[in-house]
PDB file of N, CA and C in Angstrom:
ATOM      1  N   UNK A   1     110.730 137.959 134.392  1.00  0.00           N
ATOM      2  CA  UNK A   1     109.481 137.735 133.694  1.00  0.00           C
ATOM      3  C   UNK A   1     108.357 138.561 134.301  1.00  0.00           C
ATOM      4  N   UNK A   2     108.248 138.569 135.621  1.00  0.00           N
ATOM      5  CA  UNK A   2     107.197 139.322 136.287  1.00  0.00           C
ATOM      6  C   UNK A   2     107.309 140.809 136.040  1.00  0.00           C
ATOM      7  N   UNK A   3     108.544 141.310 136.005  1.00  0.00           N
ATOM      8  CA  UNK A   3     108.761 142.732 135.752  1.00  0.00           C
ATOM      9  C   UNK A   3     108.297 143.098 134.353  1.00  0.00           C
ATOM     10  N   UNK A   4     108.588 142.240 133.377  1.00  0.00           N
ATOM     11  CA  UNK A   4     108.164 142.490 131.998  1.00  0.00           C
ATOM     12  C   UNK A   4     106.648 142.489 131.883  1.00  0.00           C
ATOM     13  N   UNK A   5     105.983 141.603 132.604  1.00  0.00           N
ATOM     14  CA  UNK A   5     104.525 141.562 132.565  1.00  0.00           C
ATOM     15  C   UNK A   5     103.933 142.832 133.171  1.00  0.00           C
ATOM     16  N   UNK A   6     104.515 143.291 134.276  1.00  0.00           N
ATOM     17  CA  UNK A   6     104.022 144.509 134.904  1.00  0.00           C
ATOM     18  C   UNK A   6     104.219 145.698 133.975  1.00  0.00           C
ATOM     19  N   UNK A   7     105.383 145.788 133.359  1.00  0.00           N
ATOM     20  CA  UNK A   7     105.682 146.880 132.444  1.00  0.00           C
ATOM     21  C   UNK A   7     104.708 146.863 131.258  1.00  0.00           C
ATOM     22  N   UNK A   8     104.410 145.689 130.760  1.00  0.00           N
ATOM     23  CA  UNK A   8     103.459 145.550 129.664  1.00  0.00           C
ATOM     24  C   UNK A   8     102.065 146.005 130.089  1.00  0.00           C
ATOM     25  N   UNK A   9     101.667 145.642 131.298  1.00  0.00           N
ATOM     26  CA  UNK A   9     100.367 146.048 131.818  1.00  0.00           C
ATOM     27  C   UNK A   9     100.283 147.560 131.949  1.00  0.00           C
ATOM     28  N   UNK A  10     101.326 148.188 132.454  1.00  0.00           N
ATOM     29  CA  UNK A  10     101.351 149.642 132.632  1.00  0.00           C
ATOM     30  C   UNK A  10     101.219 150.338 131.288  1.00  0.00           C
ATOM     31  N   UNK A  11     101.963 149.879 130.277  1.00  0.00           N
ATOM     32  CA  UNK A  11     101.870 150.471 128.942  1.00  0.00           C
ATOM     33  C   UNK A  11     100.466 150.319 128.376  1.00  0.00           C
ATOM     34  N   UNK A  12      99.870 149.162 128.578  1.00  0.00           N
ATOM     35  CA  UNK A  12      98.517 148.906 128.074  1.00  0.00           C
ATOM     36  C   UNK A  12      97.514 149.853 128.731  1.00  0.00           C
ATOM     37  N   UNK A  13      97.634 150.038 130.030  1.00  0.00           N
ATOM     38  CA  UNK A  13      96.726 150.936 130.735  1.00  0.00           C
ATOM     39  C   UNK A  13      96.927 152.387 130.287  1.00  0.00           C
ATOM     40  N   UNK A  14      98.160 152.784 130.024  1.00  0.00           N
ATOM     41  CA  UNK A  14      98.420 154.137 129.532  1.00  0.00           C
ATOM     42  C   UNK A  14      97.786 154.346 128.166  1.00  0.00           C
ATOM     43  N   UNK A  15      97.866 153.342 127.301  1.00  0.00           N
ATOM     44  CA  UNK A  15      97.238 153.435 125.978  1.00  0.00           C
ATOM     45  C   UNK A  15      95.723 153.552 126.096  1.00  0.00           C
ATOM     46  N   UNK A  16      95.142 152.794 127.016  1.00  0.00           N
ATOM     47  CA  UNK A  16      93.702 152.869 127.228  1.00  0.00           C
ATOM     48  C   UNK A  16      93.304 154.256 127.729  1.00  0.00           C
ATOM     49  N   UNK A  17      94.118 154.812 128.619  1.00  0.00           N
ATOM     50  CA  UNK A  17      93.832 156.147 129.138  1.00  0.00           C
ATOM     51  C   UNK A  17      93.923 157.189 128.024  1.00  0.00           C
ATOM     52  N   UNK A  18      94.958 157.088 127.181  1.00  0.00           N
ATOM     53  CA  UNK A  18      95.086 158.025 126.063  1.00  0.00           C
ATOM     54  C   UNK A  18      93.862 157.951 125.169  1.00  0.00           C
ATOM     55  N   UNK A  19      93.402 156.737 124.883  1.00  0.00           N
ATOM     56  CA  UNK A  19      92.238 156.558 124.016  1.00  0.00           C
ATOM     57  C   UNK A  19      90.983 157.161 124.652  1.00  0.00           C
ATOM     58  N   UNK A  20      90.786 156.943 125.945  1.00  0.00           N
ATOM     59  CA  UNK A  20      89.617 157.512 126.624  1.00  0.00           C
ATOM     60  C   UNK A  20      89.633 159.042 126.573  1.00  0.00           C
ATOM     61  N   UNK A  21      90.801 159.622 126.819  1.00  0.00           N
ATOM     62  CA  UNK A  21      90.912 161.082 126.819  1.00  0.00           C
ATOM     63  C   UNK A  21      90.712 161.627 125.406  1.00  0.00           C
ATOM     64  N   UNK A  22      91.260 160.956 124.402  1.00  0.00           N
ATOM     65  CA  UNK A  22      91.059 161.395 123.016  1.00  0.00           C
ATOM     66  C   UNK A  22      89.589 161.329 122.626  1.00  0.00           C
ATOM     67  N   UNK A  23      88.900 160.270 123.037  1.00  0.00           N
ATOM     68  CA  UNK A  23      87.469 160.154 122.741  1.00  0.00           C
ATOM     69  C   UNK A  23      86.696 161.312 123.356  1.00  0.00           C
ATOM     70  N   UNK A  24      86.990 161.619 124.597  1.00  0.00           N
ATOM     71  CA  UNK A  24      86.298 162.715 125.281  1.00  0.00           C
ATOM     72  C   UNK A  24      86.590 164.052 124.610  1.00  0.00           C
ATOM     73  N   UNK A  25      87.839 164.266 124.233  1.00  0.00           N
ATOM     74  CA  UNK A  25      88.220 165.510 123.574  1.00  0.00           C
ATOM     75  C   UNK A  25      87.553 165.630 122.207  1.00  0.00           C
ATOM     76  N   UNK A  26      87.521 164.538 121.459  1.00  0.00           N
ATOM     77  CA  UNK A  26      86.855 164.549 120.154  1.00  0.00           C
ATOM     78  C   UNK A  26      85.372 164.872 120.307  1.00  0.00           C
ATOM     79  N   UNK A  27      84.738 164.300 121.314  1.00  0.00           N
ATOM     80  CA  UNK A  27      83.323 164.575 121.558  1.00  0.00           C
ATOM     81  C   UNK A  27      83.112 166.051 121.903  1.00  0.00           C
ATOM     82  N   UNK A  28      84.003 166.597 122.709  1.00  0.00           N
ATOM     83  CA  UNK A  28      83.905 168.009 123.074  1.00  0.00           C
ATOM     84  C   UNK A  28      84.056 168.908 121.854  1.00  0.00           C
ATOM     85  N   UNK A  29      84.917 168.497 120.932  1.00  0.00           N
ATOM     86  CA  UNK A  29      85.136 169.280 119.718  1.00  0.00           C
ATOM     87  C   UNK A  29      84.089 168.983 118.649  1.00  0.00           C
ATOM     88  N   UNK A  30      83.173 168.059 118.929  1.00  0.00           N
ATOM     89  CA  UNK A  30      82.120 167.713 117.978  1.00  0.00           C
ATOM     90  C   UNK A  30      82.626 166.907 116.800  1.00  0.00           C
ATOM     91  N   UNK A  31      83.617 166.055 117.050  1.00  0.00           N
ATOM     92  CA  UNK A  31      84.228 165.277 115.977  1.00  0.00           C
ATOM     93  C   UNK A  31      84.060 163.785 116.214  1.00  0.00           C
ATOM     94  N   UNK A  32      84.226 163.028 115.135  1.00  0.00           N
ATOM     95  CA  UNK A  32      84.218 161.579 115.227  1.00  0.00           C
ATOM     96  C   UNK A  32      85.574 161.133 115.766  1.00  0.00           C
ATOM     97  N   UNK A  33      85.555 160.327 116.797  1.00  0.00           N
ATOM     98  CA  UNK A  33      86.804 159.918 117.436  1.00  0.00           C
ATOM     99  C   UNK A  33      87.518 158.796 116.690  1.00  0.00           C
ATOM    100  N   UNK A  34      86.845 158.116 115.769  1.00  0.00           N
ATOM    101  CA  UNK A  34      87.447 156.961 115.092  1.00  0.00           C
ATOM    102  C   UNK A  34      88.706 157.311 114.310  1.00  0.00           C
ATOM    103  N   UNK A  35      88.702 158.445 113.648  1.00  0.00           N
ATOM    104  CA  UNK A  35      89.879 158.845 112.862  1.00  0.00           C
ATOM    105  C   UNK A  35      91.059 159.124 113.797  1.00  0.00           C
ATOM    106  N   UNK A  36      90.790 159.844 114.874  1.00  0.00           N
ATOM    107  CA  UNK A  36      91.858 160.163 115.829  1.00  0.00           C
ATOM    108  C   UNK A  36      92.395 158.897 116.484  1.00  0.00           C
ATOM    109  N   UNK A  37      91.508 157.963 116.834  1.00  0.00           N
ATOM    110  CA  UNK A  37      91.964 156.716 117.445  1.00  0.00           C
ATOM    111  C   UNK A  37      92.774 155.873 116.466  1.00  0.00           C
ATOM    112  N   UNK A  38      92.405 155.896 115.201  1.00  0.00           N
ATOM    113  CA  UNK A  38      93.195 155.198 114.185  1.00  0.00           C
ATOM    114  C   UNK A  38      94.592 155.783 114.069  1.00  0.00           C
ATOM    115  N   UNK A  39      94.670 157.109 114.095  1.00  0.00           N
ATOM    116  CA  UNK A  39      95.980 157.758 114.048  1.00  0.00           C
ATOM    117  C   UNK A  39      96.798 157.438 115.290  1.00  0.00           C
ATOM    118  N   UNK A  40      96.143 157.399 116.441  1.00  0.00           N
ATOM    119  CA  UNK A  40      96.835 157.038 117.679  1.00  0.00           C
ATOM    120  C   UNK A  40      97.435 155.646 117.565  1.00  0.00           C
ATOM    121  N   UNK A  41      96.660 154.710 117.050  1.00  0.00           N
ATOM    122  CA  UNK A  41      97.122 153.326 116.942  1.00  0.00           C
ATOM    123  C   UNK A  41      98.259 153.169 115.940  1.00  0.00           C
ATOM    124  N   UNK A  42      98.196 153.909 114.842  1.00  0.00           N
ATOM    125  CA  UNK A  42      99.181 153.704 113.776  1.00  0.00           C
ATOM    126  C   UNK A  42     100.371 154.660 113.812  1.00  0.00           C
ATOM    127  N   UNK A  43     100.131 155.889 114.290  1.00  0.00           N
ATOM    128  CA  UNK A  43     101.192 156.893 114.194  1.00  0.00           C
ATOM    129  C   UNK A  43     101.514 157.610 115.498  1.00  0.00           C
ATOM    130  N   UNK A  44     100.755 157.351 116.544  1.00  0.00           N
ATOM    131  CA  UNK A  44     101.063 157.931 117.846  1.00  0.00           C
ATOM    132  C   UNK A  44     100.192 159.115 118.217  1.00  0.00           C
ATOM    133  N   UNK A  45     100.444 159.610 119.406  1.00  0.00           N
ATOM    134  CA  UNK A  45      99.628 160.669 119.978  1.00  0.00           C
ATOM    135  C   UNK A  45      99.708 161.972 119.191  1.00  0.00           C
ATOM    136  N   UNK A  46     100.886 162.328 118.744  1.00  0.00           N
ATOM    137  CA  UNK A  46     101.036 163.575 117.988  1.00  0.00           C
ATOM    138  C   UNK A  46     100.176 163.609 116.744  1.00  0.00           C
ATOM    139  N   UNK A  47     100.133 162.498 116.030  1.00  0.00           N
ATOM    140  CA  UNK A  47      99.307 162.417 114.827  1.00  0.00           C
ATOM    141  C   UNK A  47      97.829 162.504 115.173  1.00  0.00           C
ATOM    142  N   UNK A  48      97.422 161.858 116.254  1.00  0.00           N
ATOM    143  CA  UNK A  48      96.021 161.900 116.671  1.00  0.00           C
ATOM    144  C   UNK A  48      95.608 163.321 117.038  1.00  0.00           C
ATOM    145  N   UNK A  49      96.463 164.027 117.760  1.00  0.00           N
ATOM    146  CA  UNK A  49      96.155 165.415 118.117  1.00  0.00           C
ATOM    147  C   UNK A  49      96.137 166.305 116.888  1.00  0.00           C
ATOM    148  N   UNK A  50      97.004 166.012 115.927  1.00  0.00           N
ATOM    149  CA  UNK A  50      96.999 166.754 114.664  1.00  0.00           C
ATOM    150  C   UNK A  50      95.704 166.583 113.905  1.00  0.00           C
ATOM    151  N   UNK A  51      95.167 165.377 113.922  1.00  0.00           N
ATOM    152  CA  UNK A  51      93.883 165.117 113.265  1.00  0.00           C
ATOM    153  C   UNK A  51      92.784 165.927 113.936  1.00  0.00           C
ATOM    154  N   UNK A  52      92.760 165.907 115.262  1.00  0.00           N
ATOM    155  CA  UNK A  52      91.733 166.671 115.976  1.00  0.00           C
ATOM    156  C   UNK A  52      91.879 168.167 115.718  1.00  0.00           C
ATOM    157  N   UNK A  53      93.090 168.654 115.662  1.00  0.00           N
ATOM    158  CA  UNK A  53      93.312 170.077 115.406  1.00  0.00           C
ATOM    159  C   UNK A  53      92.902 170.442 113.988  1.00  0.00           C
ATOM    160  N   UNK A  54      93.175 169.560 113.039  1.00  0.00           N
ATOM    161  CA  UNK A  54      92.834 169.830 111.648  1.00  0.00           C
ATOM    162  C   UNK A  54      91.352 169.758 111.366  1.00  0.00           C
ATOM    163  N   UNK A  55      90.632 168.944 112.136  1.00  0.00           N
ATOM    164  CA  UNK A  55      89.201 168.779 111.917  1.00  0.00           C
ATOM    165  C   UNK A  55      88.368 169.807 112.657  1.00  0.00           C
ATOM    166  N   UNK A  56      88.939 170.429 113.664  1.00  0.00           N
ATOM    167  CA  UNK A  56      88.173 171.369 114.487  1.00  0.00           C
ATOM    168  C   UNK A  56      87.844 172.624 113.681  1.00  0.00           C
ATOM    169  N   UNK A  57      86.710 173.217 114.006  1.00  0.00           N
ATOM    170  CA  UNK A  57      86.314 174.440 113.314  1.00  0.00           C
ATOM    171  C   UNK A  57      87.336 175.536 113.560  1.00  0.00           C
ATOM    172  N   UNK A  58      87.706 176.225 112.514  1.00  0.00           N
ATOM    173  CA  UNK A  58      88.691 177.285 112.639  1.00  0.00           C
ATOM    174  C   UNK A  58      90.109 176.763 112.751  1.00  0.00           C
ATOM    175  N   UNK A  59      90.278 175.457 112.684  1.00  0.00           N
ATOM    176  CA  UNK A  59      91.585 174.803 112.757  1.00  0.00           C
ATOM    177  C   UNK A  59      92.492 175.404 113.829  1.00  0.00           C
ATOM    178  N   UNK A  60      92.202 175.127 115.097  1.00  0.00           N
ATOM    179  CA  UNK A  60      93.086 175.640 116.147  1.00  0.00           C
ATOM    180  C   UNK A  60      94.472 175.021 116.024  1.00  0.00           C
ATOM    181  N   UNK A  61      95.393 175.671 116.625  1.00  0.00           N
ATOM    182  CA  UNK A  61      96.756 175.147 116.626  1.00  0.00           C
ATOM    183  C   UNK A  61      96.797 173.792 117.318  1.00  0.00           C
ATOM    184  N   UNK A  62      97.717 172.946 116.892  1.00  0.00           N
ATOM    185  CA  UNK A  62      97.883 171.645 117.542  1.00  0.00           C
ATOM    186  C   UNK A  62      98.217 171.853 119.012  1.00  0.00           C
ATOM    187  N   UNK A  63      98.957 172.920 119.328  1.00  0.00           N
ATOM    188  CA  UNK A  63      99.319 173.167 120.718  1.00  0.00           C
ATOM    189  C   UNK A  63      98.088 173.438 121.578  1.00  0.00           C
ATOM    190  N   UNK A  64      97.036 174.061 121.013  1.00  0.00           N
ATOM    191  CA  UNK A  64      95.799 174.289 121.752  1.00  0.00           C
ATOM    192  C   UNK A  64      95.106 172.968 122.056  1.00  0.00           C
ATOM    193  N   UNK A  65      95.037 172.100 121.061  1.00  0.00           N
ATOM    194  CA  UNK A  65      94.417 170.792 121.254  1.00  0.00           C
ATOM    195  C   UNK A  65      95.262 169.963 122.207  1.00  0.00           C
ATOM    196  N   UNK A  66      96.581 170.070 122.089  1.00  0.00           N
ATOM    197  CA  UNK A  66      97.471 169.338 122.981  1.00  0.00           C
ATOM    198  C   UNK A  66      97.290 169.802 124.425  1.00  0.00           C
ATOM    199  N   UNK A  67      97.152 171.102 124.627  1.00  0.00           N
ATOM    200  CA  UNK A  67      96.937 171.629 125.978  1.00  0.00           C
ATOM    201  C   UNK A  67      95.621 171.108 126.549  1.00  0.00           C
ATOM    202  N   UNK A  68      94.577 171.077 125.726  1.00  0.00           N
ATOM    203  CA  UNK A  68      93.294 170.527 126.176  1.00  0.00           C
ATOM    204  C   UNK A  68      93.425 169.055 126.534  1.00  0.00           C
ATOM    205  N   UNK A  69      94.171 168.317 125.706  1.00  0.00           N
ATOM    206  CA  UNK A  69      94.389 166.890 125.961  1.00  0.00           C
ATOM    207  C   UNK A  69      95.120 166.689 127.295  1.00  0.00           C
ATOM    208  N   UNK A  70      96.187 167.435 127.497  1.00  0.00           N
ATOM    209  CA  UNK A  70      96.970 167.296 128.728  1.00  0.00           C
ATOM    210  C   UNK A  70      96.155 167.661 129.961  1.00  0.00           C
ATOM    211  N   UNK A  71      95.317 168.673 129.834  1.00  0.00           N
ATOM    212  CA  UNK A  71      94.471 169.073 130.959  1.00  0.00           C
ATOM    213  C   UNK A  71      93.470 167.963 131.275  1.00  0.00           C
ATOM    214  N   UNK A  72      92.836 167.404 130.261  1.00  0.00           N
ATOM    215  CA  UNK A  72      91.878 166.319 130.471  1.00  0.00           C
ATOM    216  C   UNK A  72      92.568 165.082 131.050  1.00  0.00           C
ATOM    217  N   UNK A  73      93.776 164.793 130.580  1.00  0.00           N
ATOM    218  CA  UNK A  73      94.489 163.616 131.086  1.00  0.00           C
ATOM    219  C   UNK A  73      94.852 163.798 132.554  1.00  0.00           C
ATOM    220  N   UNK A  74      95.266 164.992 132.923  1.00  0.00           N
ATOM    221  CA  UNK A  74      95.578 165.271 134.324  1.00  0.00           C
ATOM    222  C   UNK A  74      94.327 165.136 135.185  1.00  0.00           C
ATOM    223  N   UNK A  75      93.203 165.634 134.685  1.00  0.00           N
ATOM    224  CA  UNK A  75      91.945 165.503 135.428  1.00  0.00           C
ATOM    225  C   UNK A  75      91.552 164.039 135.579  1.00  0.00           C
ATOM    226  N   UNK A  76      91.779 163.258 134.532  1.00  0.00           N
ATOM    227  CA  UNK A  76      91.461 161.829 134.568  1.00  0.00           C
ATOM    228  C   UNK A  76      92.313 161.118 135.614  1.00  0.00           C
ATOM    229  N   UNK A  77      93.589 161.435 135.661  1.00  0.00           N
ATOM    230  CA  UNK A  77      94.480 160.808 136.641  1.00  0.00           C
ATOM    231  C   UNK A  77      94.138 161.237 138.057  1.00  0.00           C
ATOM    232  N   UNK A  78      93.771 162.487 138.229  1.00  0.00           N
ATOM    233  CA  UNK A  78      93.387 162.983 139.542  1.00  0.00           C
ATOM    234  C   UNK A  78      92.124 162.271 140.027  1.00  0.00           C
ATOM    235  N   UNK A  79      91.160 162.121 139.135  1.00  0.00           N
ATOM    236  CA  UNK A  79      89.917 161.427 139.499  1.00  0.00           C
ATOM    237  C   UNK A  79      90.199 159.968 139.847  1.00  0.00           C
ATOM    238  N   UNK A  80      91.092 159.332 139.105  1.00  0.00           N
ATOM    239  CA  UNK A  80      91.438 157.924 139.376  1.00  0.00           C
ATOM    240  C   UNK A  80      92.161 157.800 140.713  1.00  0.00           C
ATOM    241  N   UNK A  81      93.004 158.755 141.047  1.00  0.00           N
ATOM    242  CA  UNK A  81      93.730 158.671 142.318  1.00  0.00           C
ATOM    243  C   UNK A  81      92.790 158.876 143.498  1.00  0.00           C
ATOM    244  N   UNK A  82      91.721 159.608 143.318  1.00  0.00           N
ATOM    245  CA  UNK A  82      90.748 159.820 144.393  1.00  0.00           C
ATOM    246  C   UNK A  82      89.952 158.553 144.660  1.00  0.00           C
ATOM    247  N   UNK A  83      89.822 157.716 143.642  1.00  0.00           N
ATOM    248  CA  UNK A  83      89.072 156.468 143.812  1.00  0.00           C
ATOM    249  C   UNK A  83      89.844 155.425 144.596  1.00  0.00           C
ATOM    250  N   UNK A  84      91.146 155.571 144.653  1.00  0.00           N
ATOM    251  CA  UNK A  84      91.967 154.551 145.315  1.00  0.00           C
ATOM    252  C   UNK A  84      92.073 154.760 146.776  1.00  0.00           C
TER     253      UNK A  84
END
């Protein structure tokens, strides 16, 4: 039971981190984050990144938006590890 609770907590924290990073990325791209967060909740990270890529000016490739997302997520984790 305790292991399941810990696993559930870890997944929840990962989802919160994904949402925070998506919000920051959407703000950087000058977009409303609500659509991307809705896609994240209903269809997953790939769909959310696709929305951000499709809404961005000049429609960058999803891989460009994905690379930006991964870079921001790594920075977020690095900053969190420094706090501990």
